[in-house]
Structures are given as C-alpha cells and as structure tokens.
C-alpha atoms as a PDB file:
ATOM      1  CA  MET A   1      87.383  66.925 131.920  1.00  0.00           C
ATOM      2  CA  VAL A   2      85.274  69.679 130.038  1.00  0.00           C
ATOM      3  CA  HIS A   3      87.568  72.411 128.188  1.00  0.00           C
ATOM      4  CA  TRP A   4      87.417  75.794 129.203  1.00  0.00           C
ATOM      5  CA  ALA A   5      85.897  77.014 125.654  1.00  0.00           C
ATOM      6  CA  GLU A   6      83.190  74.787 126.047  1.00  0.00           C
ATOM      7  CA  ARG A   7      82.316  75.319 129.340  1.00  0.00           C
ATOM      8  CA  LYS A   8      82.239  78.836 128.594  1.00  0.00           C
ATOM      9  CA  ALA A   9      80.288  78.279 125.064  1.00  0.00           C
ATOM     10  CA  GLU A  10      77.516  76.669 127.248  1.00  0.00           C
ATOM     11  CA  GLU A  11      77.418  79.278 129.516  1.00  0.00           C
ATOM     12  CA  VAL A  12      76.641  81.638 126.369  1.00  0.00           C
ATOM     13  CA  VAL A  13      73.685  79.289 125.071  1.00  0.00           C
ATOM     14  CA  LYS A  14      72.165  79.120 128.581  1.00  0.00           C
ATOM     15  CA  THR A  15      72.376  82.862 129.260  1.00  0.00           C
ATOM     16  CA  PHE A  16      71.049  83.949 125.473  1.00  0.00           C
ATOM     17  CA  ARG A  17      70.344  81.223 122.793  1.00  0.00           C
ATOM     18  CA  GLU A  18      66.191  82.125 123.527  1.00  0.00           C
ATOM     19  CA  ILE A  19      66.781  86.091 123.381  1.00  0.00           C
ATOM     20  CA  ARG A  20      69.449  86.011 120.350  1.00  0.00           C
ATOM     21  CA  ASP A  21      69.769  84.983 117.148  1.00  0.00           C
ATOM     22  CA  VAL A  22      73.161  85.488 116.155  1.00  0.00           C
ATOM     23  CA  LEU A  23      75.596  85.099 119.681  1.00  0.00           C
ATOM     24  CA  VAL A  24      78.047  87.615 119.272  1.00  0.00           C
ATOM     25  CA  CYS A  25      81.295  86.907 120.291  1.00  0.00           C
ATOM     26  CA  ASN A  26      83.555  90.300 121.142  1.00  0.00           C
ATOM     27  CA  GLY A  27      86.783  91.643 122.028  1.00  0.00           C
ATOM     28  CA  GLY A  28      88.163  95.289 122.347  1.00  0.00           C
ATOM     29  CA  LEU A  29      91.319  97.399 121.821  1.00  0.00           C
ATOM     30  CA  SER A  30      92.359 100.994 121.973  1.00  0.00           C
ATOM     31  CA  VAL A  31      94.951 101.758 119.296  1.00  0.00           C
ATOM     32  CA  SER A  32      96.770 103.831 121.783  1.00  0.00           C
ATOM     33  CA  GLY A  33     100.209 102.904 120.263  1.00  0.00           C
ATOM     34  CA  LEU A  34     102.227  99.214 119.262  1.00  0.00           C
ATOM     35  CA  GLN A  35      99.267  96.937 118.485  1.00  0.00           C
ATOM     36  CA  HIS A  36     101.460  93.655 120.099  1.00  0.00           C
ATOM     37  CA  VAL A  37     100.599  90.246 119.611  1.00  0.00           C
ATOM     38  CA  GLY A  38      99.934  89.866 123.136  1.00  0.00           C
ATOM     39  CA  ARG A  39      96.406  92.004 122.087  1.00  0.00           C
ATOM     40  CA  LEU A  40      95.842  88.388 119.867  1.00  0.00           C
ATOM     41  CA  ARG A  41      95.237  86.720 122.894  1.00  0.00           C
ATOM     42  CA  GLY A  42      92.199  87.704 124.813  1.00  0.00           C
ATOM     43  CA  GLU A  43      90.607  89.569 121.837  1.00  0.00           C
ATOM     44  CA  VAL A  44      91.059  87.197 119.053  1.00  0.00           C
ATOM     45  CA  THR A  45      92.505  84.006 119.924  1.00  0.00           C
ATOM     46  CA  ILE A  46      90.038  83.255 122.684  1.00  0.00           C
ATOM     47  CA  VAL A  47      86.920  84.684 121.000  1.00  0.00           C
ATOM     48  CA  ASP A  48      87.891  83.143 117.801  1.00  0.00           C
ATOM     49  CA  THR A  49      88.180  79.901 119.750  1.00  0.00           C
ATOM     50  CA  VAL A  50      84.170  80.200 121.819  1.00  0.00           C
ATOM     51  CA  ARG A  51      82.654  81.228 118.432  1.00  0.00           C
ATOM     52  CA  LYS A  52      83.829  78.090 116.353  1.00  0.00           C
ATOM     53  CA  ILE A  53      82.085  75.927 119.222  1.00  0.00           C
ATOM     54  CA  LEU A  54      79.099  77.858 119.175  1.00  0.00           C
ATOM     55  CA  GLU A  55      79.500  77.591 115.298  1.00  0.00           C
ATOM     56  CA  LYS A  56      79.771  73.649 115.754  1.00  0.00           C
ATOM     57  CA  ARG A  57      76.992  73.438 118.029  1.00  0.00           C
ATOM     58  CA  GLY A  58      74.536  74.779 114.749  1.00  0.00           C
ATOM     59  CA  TYR A  59      73.900  78.610 116.266  1.00  0.00           C
ATOM     60  CA  GLU A  60      74.751  81.741 114.559  1.00  0.00           C
ATOM     61  CA  ALA A  61      78.028  83.355 115.638  1.00  0.00           C
ATOM     62  CA  LYS A  62      80.086  85.841 114.511  1.00  0.00           C
ATOM     63  CA  HIS A  63      83.580  87.450 116.201  1.00  0.00           C
ATOM     64  CA  THR A  64      84.005  90.954 116.242  1.00  0.00           C
ATOM     65  CA  ILE A  65      86.457  93.765 117.579  1.00  0.00           C
ATOM     66  CA  VAL A  66      85.667  97.096 118.948  1.00  0.00           C
ATOM     67  CA  LEU A  67      88.808  99.698 118.653  1.00  0.00           C
ATOM     68  CA  TYR A  68      88.448 102.232 121.341  1.00  0.00           C
ATOM     69  CA  THR A  69      89.131 105.033 118.930  1.00  0.00           C
ATOM     70  CA  MET A  70      87.363 108.111 121.140  1.00  0.00           C
ATOM     71  CA  ASP A  71      89.806 107.373 123.987  1.00  0.00           C
ATOM     72  CA  ALA A  72      92.175 110.611 124.539  1.00  0.00           C
ATOM     73  CA  TRP A  73      95.755 109.543 123.750  1.00  0.00           C
ATOM     74  CA  LYS A  74      97.669 110.344 126.926  1.00  0.00           C
ATOM     75  CA  GLY A  75     100.786 111.982 125.624  1.00  0.00           C
ATOM     76  CA  LYS A  76     102.973 109.766 127.442  1.00  0.00           C
ATOM     77  CA  GLU A  77     107.063 110.003 127.024  1.00  0.00           C
ATOM     78  CA  THR A  78     106.988 106.893 125.093  1.00  0.00           C
ATOM     79  CA  GLN A  79     103.981 108.204 122.442  1.00  0.00           C
ATOM     80  CA  LEU A  80     105.931 111.164 122.072  1.00  0.00           C
ATOM     81  CA  LYS A  81     109.189 109.820 121.315  1.00  0.00           C
ATOM     82  CA  GLN A  82     107.282 108.415 118.247  1.00  0.00           C
ATOM     83  CA  PHE A  83     107.448 111.917 116.841  1.00  0.00           C
ATOM     84  CA  SER A  84     110.257 113.426 115.222  1.00  0.00           C
ATOM     85  CA  ASP A  85     109.742 116.125 117.834  1.00  0.00           C
ATOM     86  CA  PRO A  86     108.516 114.986 120.873  1.00  0.00           C
ATOM     87  CA  GLU A  87     108.064 118.526 122.394  1.00  0.00           C
ATOM     88  CA  GLU A  88     105.804 119.742 119.629  1.00  0.00           C
ATOM     89  CA  ALA A  89     103.881 116.701 119.842  1.00  0.00           C
ATOM     90  CA  LYS A  90     102.604 117.789 123.145  1.00  0.00           C
ATOM     91  CA  ALA A  91      99.914 119.908 121.950  1.00  0.00           C
ATOM     92  CA  PHE A  92      98.133 116.409 120.754  1.00  0.00           C
ATOM     93  CA  THR A  93      97.899 115.270 124.441  1.00  0.00           C
ATOM     94  CA  GLY A  94      94.183 114.746 125.034  1.00  0.00           C
ATOM     95  CA  ARG A  95      92.729 114.596 121.503  1.00  0.00           C
ATOM     96  CA  PRO A  96      91.068 111.449 120.697  1.00  0.00           C
ATOM     97  CA  LEU A  97      92.828 108.786 118.789  1.00  0.00           C
ATOM     98  CA  PHE A  98      91.950 109.802 115.682  1.00  0.00           C
ATOM     99  CA  LEU A  99      92.846 112.647 115.794  1.00  0.00           C
ATOM    100  CA  VAL A 100      96.349 112.382 116.496  1.00  0.00           C
ATOM    101  CA  PRO A 101      98.782 112.619 113.211  1.00  0.00           C
ATOM    102  CA  ASP A 102     100.589 109.204 112.085  1.00  0.00           C
ATOM    103  CA  PRO A 103     103.863 110.378 113.581  1.00  0.00           C
ATOM    104  CA  GLN A 104     105.546 108.994 110.539  1.00  0.00           C
ATOM    105  CA  GLU A 105     103.349 110.875 108.019  1.00  0.00           C
ATOM    106  CA  CYS A 106     102.495 108.076 105.728  1.00  0.00           C
ATOM    107  CA  HIS A 107      98.911 107.468 107.721  1.00  0.00           C
ATOM    108  CA  LYS A 108      95.653 109.530 107.703  1.00  0.00           C
ATOM    109  CA  ASN A 109      96.176 109.663 111.894  1.00  0.00           C
ATOM    110  CA  TRP A 110      97.619 107.539 114.855  1.00  0.00           C
ATOM    111  CA  VAL A 111      95.001 104.448 114.390  1.00  0.00           C
ATOM    112  CA  GLU A 112      95.682 104.073 110.801  1.00  0.00           C
ATOM    113  CA  HIS A 113      99.423 103.822 111.244  1.00  0.00           C
ATOM    114  CA  TYR A 114      99.158 101.492 114.384  1.00  0.00           C
ATOM    115  CA  TRP A 115      96.606  99.166 113.367  1.00  0.00           C
ATOM    116  CA  GLU A 116      98.119  98.026 110.036  1.00  0.00           C
ATOM    117  CA  ASN A 117     100.628  95.746 111.648  1.00  0.00           C
ATOM    118  CA  PHE A 118      97.761  94.002 113.392  1.00  0.00           C
ATOM    119  CA  GLY A 119      94.714  94.210 111.570  1.00  0.00           C
ATOM    120  CA  ASN A 120      96.051  93.276 107.923  1.00  0.00           C
ATOM    121  CA  TYR A 121      97.456  90.341 109.477  1.00  0.00           C
ATOM    122  CA  LEU A 122      94.343  88.983 111.533  1.00  0.00           C
ATOM    123  CA  GLN A 123      93.731  86.442 108.931  1.00  0.00           C
ATOM    124  CA  HIS A 124      96.568  84.221 109.916  1.00  0.00           C
ATOM    125  CA  PHE A 125      95.253  83.714 113.799  1.00  0.00           C
ATOM    126  CA  ALA A 126      91.522  83.739 112.930  1.00  0.00           C
ATOM    127  CA  LEU A 127      88.875  84.467 110.194  1.00  0.00           C
ATOM    128  CA  ASP A 128      86.230  86.478 109.704  1.00  0.00           C
ATOM    129  CA  VAL A 129      86.902  89.152 112.377  1.00  0.00           C
ATOM    130  CA  GLU A 130      84.838  92.138 112.150  1.00  0.00           C
ATOM    131  CA  VAL A 131      86.272  95.260 113.161  1.00  0.00           C
ATOM    132  CA  VAL A 132      84.563  98.003 114.069  1.00  0.00           C
ATOM    133  CA  SER A 133      85.779 101.584 115.861  1.00  0.00           C
ATOM    134  CA  THR A 134      83.600 103.699 118.577  1.00  0.00           C
ATOM    135  CA  LYS A 135      83.595 106.389 116.507  1.00  0.00           C
ATOM    136  CA  GLU A 136      81.616 104.621 113.911  1.00  0.00           C
ATOM    137  CA  LEU A 137      79.321 103.384 116.620  1.00  0.00           C
ATOM    138  CA  TYR A 138      78.994 107.050 117.660  1.00  0.00           C
ATOM    139  CA  GLU A 139      78.657 108.092 114.013  1.00  0.00           C
ATOM    140  CA  LYS A 140      76.470 105.517 112.964  1.00  0.00           C
ATOM    141  CA  ASN A 141      74.815 102.972 114.988  1.00  0.00           C
ATOM    142  CA  MET A 142      71.336 103.495 115.987  1.00  0.00           C
ATOM    143  CA  ARG A 143      71.104 101.297 118.652  1.00  0.00           C
ATOM    144  CA  MET A 144      74.888 103.396 120.399  1.00  0.00           C
ATOM    145  CA  LYS A 145      72.814 106.826 120.031  1.00  0.00           C
ATOM    146  CA  GLU A 146      69.427 105.577 121.522  1.00  0.00           C
ATOM    147  CA  PHE A 147      71.832 103.944 124.869  1.00  0.00           C
ATOM    148  CA  ILE A 148      73.343 107.648 125.250  1.00  0.00           C
ATOM    149  CA  VAL A 149      69.985 109.633 124.935  1.00  0.00           C
ATOM    150  CA  LYS A 150      68.663 107.086 127.555  1.00  0.00           C
ATOM    151  CA  THR A 151      71.848 107.928 129.464  1.00  0.00           C
ATOM    152  CA  LEU A 152      71.856 111.397 129.508  1.00  0.00           C
ATOM    153  CA  THR A 153      68.156 111.377 130.304  1.00  0.00           C
ATOM    154  CA  GLU A 154      65.708 108.902 132.146  1.00  0.00           C
ATOM    155  CA  LYS A 155      68.778 106.673 133.533  1.00  0.00           C
ATOM    156  CA  ARG A 156      71.084 109.406 134.156  1.00  0.00           C
ATOM    157  CA  SER A 157      70.606 109.396 138.124  1.00  0.00           C
ATOM    158  CA  GLU A 158      70.218 105.677 138.248  1.00  0.00           C
ATOM    159  CA  ALA A 159      74.206 105.846 136.175  1.00  0.00           C
ATOM    160  CA  VAL A 160      75.396 107.897 138.409  1.00  0.00           C
ATOM    161  CA  ARG A 161      74.287 106.591 141.536  1.00  0.00           C
ATOM    162  CA  THR A 162      75.505 102.918 140.650  1.00  0.00           C
ATOM    163  CA  ILE A 163      78.753 104.159 139.312  1.00  0.00           C
ATOM    164  CA  ASN A 164      79.440 106.301 142.639  1.00  0.00           C
ATOM    165  CA  LYS A 165      78.966 102.945 144.843  1.00  0.00           C
ATOM    166  CA  TYR A 166      82.296 101.957 143.085  1.00  0.00           C
ATOM    167  CA  ARG A 167      84.619 105.292 143.215  1.00  0.00           C
ATOM    168  CA  GLY A 168      85.145 105.341 147.502  1.00  0.00           C
ATOM    169  CA  ARG A 169      85.745 108.727 148.604  1.00  0.00           C
ATOM    170  CA  ASN A 170      85.716 110.453 144.785  1.00  0.00           C
ATOM    171  CA  PRO A 171      81.845 110.606 143.984  1.00  0.00           C
ATOM    172  CA  HIS A 172      80.761 112.321 140.953  1.00  0.00           C
ATOM    173  CA  PRO A 173      78.020 115.198 141.670  1.00  0.00           C
ATOM    174  CA  GLU A 174      74.285 113.772 141.464  1.00  0.00           C
ATOM    175  CA  ASP A 175      73.777 116.575 138.767  1.00  0.00           C
ATOM    176  CA  TRP A 176      77.350 114.865 136.718  1.00  0.00           C
ATOM    177  CA  ILE A 177      76.787 114.499 132.861  1.00  0.00           C
ATOM    178  CA  PRO A 178      78.507 111.592 131.681  1.00  0.00           C
ATOM    179  CA  PHE A 179      79.600 112.372 128.591  1.00  0.00           C
ATOM    180  CA  ASN A 180      82.749 114.126 126.409  1.00  0.00           C
ATOM    181  CA  PRO A 181      82.564 116.192 124.072  1.00  0.00           C
ATOM    182  CA  ILE A 182      85.301 116.728 121.658  1.00  0.00           C
ATOM    183  CA  CYS A 183      86.728 120.796 122.405  1.00  0.00           C
ATOM    184  CA  GLU A 184      86.033 122.618 118.757  1.00  0.00           C
ATOM    185  CA  LYS A 185      88.564 124.692 119.787  1.00  0.00           C
ATOM    186  CA  CYS A 186      91.796 122.726 120.546  1.00  0.00           C
ATOM    187  CA  LEU A 187      90.213 119.048 120.393  1.00  0.00           C
ATOM    188  CA  ARG A 188      90.479 117.579 123.642  1.00  0.00           C
ATOM    189  CA  ILE A 189      88.370 115.533 124.969  1.00  0.00           C
ATOM    190  CA  ASP A 190      90.176 114.920 128.439  1.00  0.00           C
ATOM    191  CA  SER A 191      89.071 118.296 129.206  1.00  0.00           C
ATOM    192  CA  THR A 192      85.331 119.059 128.806  1.00  0.00           C
ATOM    193  CA  VAL A 193      82.529 119.389 130.763  1.00  0.00           C
ATOM    194  CA  ALA A 194      79.198 118.695 129.657  1.00  0.00           C
ATOM    195  CA  VAL A 195      76.679 121.251 131.333  1.00  0.00           C
ATOM    196  CA  SER A 196      73.469 120.544 129.337  1.00  0.00           C
ATOM    197  CA  PHE A 197      72.020 117.754 127.128  1.00  0.00           C
ATOM    198  CA  ASP A 198      69.250 119.445 125.110  1.00  0.00           C
ATOM    199  CA  GLU A 199      67.649 115.915 123.830  1.00  0.00           C
ATOM    200  CA  LYS A 200      65.155 117.194 120.920  1.00  0.00           C
ATOM    201  CA  THR A 201      68.466 118.326 118.943  1.00  0.00           C
ATOM    202  CA  GLY A 202      70.710 116.243 120.518  1.00  0.00           C
ATOM    203  CA  ILE A 203      73.303 118.492 121.340  1.00  0.00           C
ATOM    204  CA  ILE A 204      75.663 118.863 124.194  1.00  0.00           C
ATOM    205  CA  GLU A 205      76.755 122.023 125.377  1.00  0.00           C
ATOM    206  CA  TYR A 206      80.346 122.025 127.494  1.00  0.00           C
ATOM    207  CA  ILE A 207      83.007 123.740 128.995  1.00  0.00           C
ATOM    208  CA  CYS A 208      86.719 122.863 127.845  1.00  0.00           C
ATOM    209  CA  LYS A 209      88.826 123.635 131.078  1.00  0.00           C
ATOM    210  CA  ALA A 210      92.257 123.064 129.598  1.00  0.00           C
ATOM    211  CA  CYS A 211      91.386 126.056 127.008  1.00  0.00           C
ATOM    212  CA  GLY A 212      88.288 127.776 127.977  1.00  0.00           C
ATOM    213  CA  ASN A 213      86.273 127.148 125.202  1.00  0.00           C
ATOM    214  CA  GLU A 214      82.472 127.131 125.646  1.00  0.00           C
ATOM    215  CA  GLY A 215      80.952 125.447 123.021  1.00  0.00           C
ATOM    216  CA  ARG A 216      78.384 122.746 121.592  1.00  0.00           C
ATOM    217  CA  GLN A 217      78.976 119.678 119.864  1.00  0.00           C
ATOM    218  CA  PRO A 218      76.477 116.845 118.538  1.00  0.00           C
ATOM    219  CA  LEU A 219      76.372 113.497 120.469  1.00  0.00           C
ATOM    220  CA  GLU A 220      78.337 112.483 116.878  1.00  0.00           C
ATOM    221  CA  ARG A 221      81.101 114.724 118.312  1.00  0.00           C
ATOM    222  CA  GLY A 222      82.185 113.379 121.472  1.00  0.00           C
ATOM    223  CA  LYS A 223      82.132 110.228 123.943  1.00  0.00           C
ATOM    224  CA  LEU A 224      80.466 108.902 126.781  1.00  0.00           C
ATOM    225  CA  THR A 225      82.681 108.174 130.060  1.00  0.00           C
ATOM    226  CA  TRP A 226      84.510 104.464 130.118  1.00  0.00           C
ATOM    227  CA  ARG A 227      82.154 102.922 131.894  1.00  0.00           C
ATOM    228  CA  LEU A 228      78.788 103.259 130.590  1.00  0.00           C
ATOM    229  CA  GLU A 229      80.890 103.508 127.169  1.00  0.00           C
ATOM    230  CA  TRP A 230      81.378  99.792 127.800  1.00  0.00           C
ATOM    231  CA  VAL A 231      78.718  98.628 128.346  1.00  0.00           C
ATOM    232  CA  GLY A 232      77.089 101.198 125.406  1.00  0.00           C
ATOM    233  CA  VAL A 233      79.284  98.398 123.164  1.00  0.00           C
ATOM    234  CA  TRP A 234      77.633  95.629 124.910  1.00  0.00           C
ATOM    235  CA  TYR A 235      74.115  97.340 124.453  1.00  0.00           C
ATOM    236  CA  SER A 236      74.785  98.644 120.906  1.00  0.00           C
ATOM    237  CA  MET A 237      76.322  95.627 119.357  1.00  0.00           C
ATOM    238  CA  GLY A 238      74.592  92.376 121.600  1.00  0.00           C
ATOM    239  CA  VAL A 239      77.542  91.027 122.893  1.00  0.00           C
ATOM    240  CA  SER A 240      77.382  87.875 124.386  1.00  0.00           C
ATOM    241  CA  PHE A 241      80.872  86.601 125.128  1.00  0.00           C
ATOM    242  CA  GLU A 242      83.852  89.299 125.681  1.00  0.00           C
ATOM    243  CA  PRO A 243      87.215  88.249 127.720  1.00  0.00           C
ATOM    244  CA  TYR A 244      88.712  90.467 129.966  1.00  0.00           C
ATOM    245  CA  GLY A 245      92.517  91.141 130.896  1.00  0.00           C
ATOM    246  CA  LYS A 246      93.106  90.838 134.654  1.00  0.00           C
ATOM    247  CA  ASP A 247      93.119  94.913 134.931  1.00  0.00           C
ATOM    248  CA  HIS A 248      89.199  94.307 134.880  1.00  0.00           C
ATOM    249  CA  ALA A 249      88.679  91.371 136.867  1.00  0.00           C
ATOM    250  CA  THR A 250      89.415  93.220 140.302  1.00  0.00           C
ATOM    251  CA  PRO A 251      86.451  92.182 142.683  1.00  0.00           C
ATOM    252  CA  GLY A 252      84.704  95.440 142.360  1.00  0.00           C
ATOM    253  CA  GLY A 253      86.123  96.537 139.738  1.00  0.00           C
ATOM    254  CA  SER A 254      85.847  97.849 136.295  1.00  0.00           C
ATOM    255  CA  ARG A 255      84.327  94.595 135.210  1.00  0.00           C
ATOM    256  CA  ASP A 256      81.734  93.897 137.670  1.00  0.00           C
ATOM    257  CA  SER A 257      80.973  97.636 137.757  1.00  0.00           C
ATOM    258  CA  CYS A 258      79.791  97.530 134.184  1.00  0.00           C
ATOM    259  CA  ASN A 259      77.949  93.693 135.007  1.00  0.00           C
ATOM    260  CA  ASP A 260      76.281  95.946 137.719  1.00  0.00           C
ATOM    261  CA  LEU A 261      75.189  99.109 134.988  1.00  0.00           C
ATOM    262  CA  ALA A 262      73.904  96.421 132.538  1.00  0.00           C
ATOM    263  CA  ARG A 263      71.500  94.669 134.588  1.00  0.00           C
ATOM    264  CA  ASN A 264      70.162  96.715 137.583  1.00  0.00           C
ATOM    265  CA  VAL A 265      69.964 100.252 135.269  1.00  0.00           C
ATOM    266  CA  TYR A 266      69.787  99.160 131.531  1.00  0.00           C
ATOM    267  CA  ARG A 267      67.926  96.033 132.519  1.00  0.00           C
ATOM    268  CA  PHE A 268      69.335  93.649 129.689  1.00  0.00           C
ATOM    269  CA  GLU A 269      72.298  90.986 130.875  1.00  0.00           C
ATOM    270  CA  PRO A 270      75.564  91.519 130.420  1.00  0.00           C
ATOM    271  CA  PRO A 271      77.759  89.005 128.095  1.00  0.00           C
ATOM    272  CA  VAL A 272      79.407  86.226 129.510  1.00  0.00           C
ATOM    273  CA  GLY A 273      83.339  86.548 130.553  1.00  0.00           C
ATOM    274  CA  LEU A 274      86.743  85.414 130.533  1.00  0.00           C
ATOM    275  CA  PRO A 275      89.617  86.877 132.761  1.00  0.00           C
ATOM    276  CA  TYR A 276      92.976  86.156 131.101  1.00  0.00           C
ATOM    277  CA  GLU A 277      96.643  87.105 131.806  1.00  0.00           C
ATOM    278  CA  TRP A 278      98.278  89.546 130.102  1.00  0.00           C
ATOM    279  CA  VAL A 279     101.584  88.526 128.208  1.00  0.00           C
ATOM    280  CA  GLY A 280     104.876  89.080 129.176  1.00  0.00           C
ATOM    281  CA  TYR A 281     108.251  89.590 127.682  1.00  0.00           C
ATOM    282  CA  SER A 282     111.668  89.189 127.208  1.00  0.00           C
ATOM    283  CA  ARG A 283     114.443  90.554 125.349  1.00  0.00           C
ATOM    284  CA  LYS A 284     117.317  89.013 124.803  1.00  0.00           C
ATOM    285  CA  GLY A 285     117.047  86.855 128.066  1.00  0.00           C
ATOM    286  CA  VAL A 286     116.400  89.726 129.750  1.00  0.00           C
ATOM    287  CA  ASP A 287     112.562  90.343 130.997  1.00  0.00           C
ATOM    288  CA  VAL A 288     110.740  93.621 130.537  1.00  0.00           C
ATOM    289  CA  GLY A 289     107.223  93.124 131.791  1.00  0.00           C
ATOM    290  CA  ASP A 290     104.223  92.941 130.218  1.00  0.00           C
ATOM    291  CA  MET A 291     103.642  93.752 126.585  1.00  0.00           C
ATOM    292  CA  GLY A 292     101.808  97.084 126.610  1.00  0.00           C
ATOM    293  CA  SER A 293     100.385  99.257 123.680  1.00  0.00           C
ATOM    294  CA  SER A 294     101.285 102.387 124.425  1.00  0.00           C
ATOM    295  CA  ASP A 295     104.611 101.751 126.345  1.00  0.00           C
ATOM    296  CA  PHE A 296     105.639 100.563 123.049  1.00  0.00           C
ATOM    297  CA  ILE A 297     106.584  96.495 124.582  1.00  0.00           C
ATOM    298  CA  GLY A 298     106.405  93.601 122.325  1.00  0.00           C
ATOM    299  CA  PHE A 299     106.076  93.074 118.698  1.00  0.00           C
ATOM    300  CA  THR A 300     104.088  93.077 115.989  1.00  0.00           C
ATOM    301  CA  PRO A 301     101.685  90.287 114.515  1.00  0.00           C
ATOM    302  CA  LYS A 302     103.206  91.124 111.728  1.00  0.00           C
ATOM    303  CA  ASP A 303     106.679  89.926 113.207  1.00  0.00           C
ATOM    304  CA  TRP A 304     105.077  87.142 114.653  1.00  0.00           C
ATOM    305  CA  ILE A 305     104.088  85.828 111.128  1.00  0.00           C
ATOM    306  CA  GLU A 306     107.781  86.159 109.436  1.00  0.00           C
ATOM    307  CA  VAL A 307     108.950  83.297 112.009  1.00  0.00           C
ATOM    308  CA  ALA A 308     106.197  81.154 112.829  1.00  0.00           C
ATOM    309  CA  GLU A 309     102.364  79.852 111.948  1.00  0.00           C
ATOM    310  CA  GLY A 310      99.722  81.615 113.118  1.00  0.00           C
ATOM    311  CA  GLU A 311      98.579  78.256 114.441  1.00  0.00           C
ATOM    312  CA  VAL A 312     102.122  78.060 116.903  1.00  0.00           C
ATOM    313  CA  LEU A 313     100.794  81.332 119.348  1.00  0.00           C
ATOM    314  CA  ARG A 314      96.771  80.042 119.198  1.00  0.00           C
ATOM    315  CA  TYR A 315      98.097  76.951 120.458  1.00  0.00           C
ATOM    316  CA  ILE A 316     100.639  78.538 123.313  1.00  0.00           C
ATOM    317  CA  TYR A 317      97.572  80.857 124.552  1.00  0.00           C
ATOM    318  CA  LEU A 318      95.019  78.101 124.375  1.00  0.00           C
ATOM    319  CA  PHE A 319      97.497  76.138 126.447  1.00  0.00           C
ATOM    320  CA  TYR A 320      98.328  78.365 129.020  1.00  0.00           C
ATOM    321  CA  THR A 321      94.782  79.631 129.527  1.00  0.00           C
ATOM    322  CA  ALA A 322      93.804  76.163 130.081  1.00  0.00           C
ATOM    323  CA  HIS A 323      96.620  75.959 132.468  1.00  0.00           C
ATOM    324  CA  GLU A 324      94.793  79.035 133.902  1.00  0.00           C
ATOM    325  CA  GLU A 325      91.656  77.787 134.278  1.00  0.00           C
ATOM    326  CA  ASN A 326      92.449  74.424 135.678  1.00  0.00           C
ATOM    327  CA  SER A 327      94.417  76.217 138.646  1.00  0.00           C
ATOM    328  CA  ALA A 328      91.671  78.621 139.877  1.00  0.00           C
END
C-alpha cells in the first residue's frame, strides 16, 4: 500500500513540476491566542513530511508557515480574560491581531506573546521552516500587491460573482470592494467599508461603521477579505501543497470556493490539499473538546518538549493521518 504522504508528494510533482522551480509546502495559522500542539499536526508535521519526500526525490522544496496577523481580534470572553482588566480590553476588539497589546506586557504585542511558546520550539518538530506574517506580505511582497490591485480592478466583478456562488441568501452587492483598511481613528479592521480605490495612488477610501471616521489608507494598511486573502497567499508565495482543517473541507465550503477563485478568476492552479481532523484534549480524564487557540484550550509545544521528544508527537500525528486516509 502506498503511504498517503507518498501519494500527496506524487500529486504535487504531477501538478507543479513543469511550472515551478521550488515546490512550496505551506501551512497557515491565526495567532488568535494559545498556540497549542494541535497546530503542529497539519501546518508542521504533515507539511514537513511531504516536503521531505519531495526533497528525497530530487526536487527543491521548502516549508513555510503564514501567520495571519492581520485578522481581527474578536474580543471573546476567553481572550478578554487574559487581561488584568477585561472590561478595558474590550476596546481592542476588531483591531488586527498585531495591534492588540500583550496582556502580560512582556512583548511588543499579542502576536509576539502567544507565538513565543510555539515558534521558539519549532525546531523540535521540523527543521528549516520559514515563517512569514500576512502583515509582511501586505507590506513587502510585490506579488501580493499585484494580486490586490488585480482584485480591486480588473478581477473585481468576476471575484464577487464567484464568492456569491457560495454565499446563498447573503450575496455581496455588485459594487462591493473586498478590502478592509485599518481605521486610522479607532484602529479596527472589522468595521471599515471601502468606498473607492485609486489605482494610480494605491489609496483606499473608507468609512468606519464603528466610530464613524471617514479616511484614506494605502494598501499596506489593510487586508483582503478572508477567501481572497487565502488565494492571495497561494498566488504571492507560489504554494504547491497546503493541508487544511476539517472546517475548510465541507463540500461547497471555503476550500472549494478558494479553489474556484484560483482556477477560474485568477487562472492559476491551487495547491494540492489534504484535509485533517482537529486534535482533541482531555484534562484529568475529562474530555474538554478540540484544542482551540482563541478558546485557550490545549497546551503549547514548549509544554510538550518538557515531557517528551518532538518525534513522539510527530509519530502519533502521522499514524492517525494514515488511519484517516485509509478509512476515507
């Protein structure tokens, strides 16, 4: 029987060997809270395994992880509880994650605080992992900028129609601009509505529904709406393989819609994928559900390394991935 990882590597080779010099194997994480060991399954262990097989076959491959640091902080009760004054912390709701303060005031911001006990221990689970944030992609990656400009100009109508195919009763209006600037006044990114885009200057005009501010921002100070952002990551980084959690795997769901956008709007082949289950967690013999970042359920790679080798967890994840694939 051919191992699932061998099958995926072969699929990557067949799809991309003629069009890409480097086969990028990518994972994505939103640093919305606790960076638990469940996130080592798809984004680290599965990606690293496929990359190693590609390299053994003589192909140049690399492992990347994208941190979605422009996502809005939701201000959930579990997130608010991390602050000494949860009521005061409600003011940070809707800000991009990188603009939320560190609740313990030992790092520059929320992202750096919660990434530390994950990112600093990656080498125990995979080697040579390149980490990039969406903030960096928006600010520095020229292919991402190219993708955004295309989306807001020549591709906008087609992109909106494609997204609306998956929205059922709540389609976006035809003149919708799928980009959220950061409000200059209240710093929220979840409440701004883009009203115009000037291609010559690269400036977005917006209205903030939270504070009423009307302002202007460059493309570097905002983000694409989430489906288009995912496709933009694939496009800007040349992603050839990316697994995804079961929440994205529903027929007609986010992964299907993003594949549709990639193929039929932007005219490129989306990465080979692999759905995987979330990781459950029990405490003192009591099942508390799946590990969750913003829910602060689970424990970190730092915690794991204190009691066992990284290879032990890798083995568990690979064993159960093979079991799920064979049962599918």
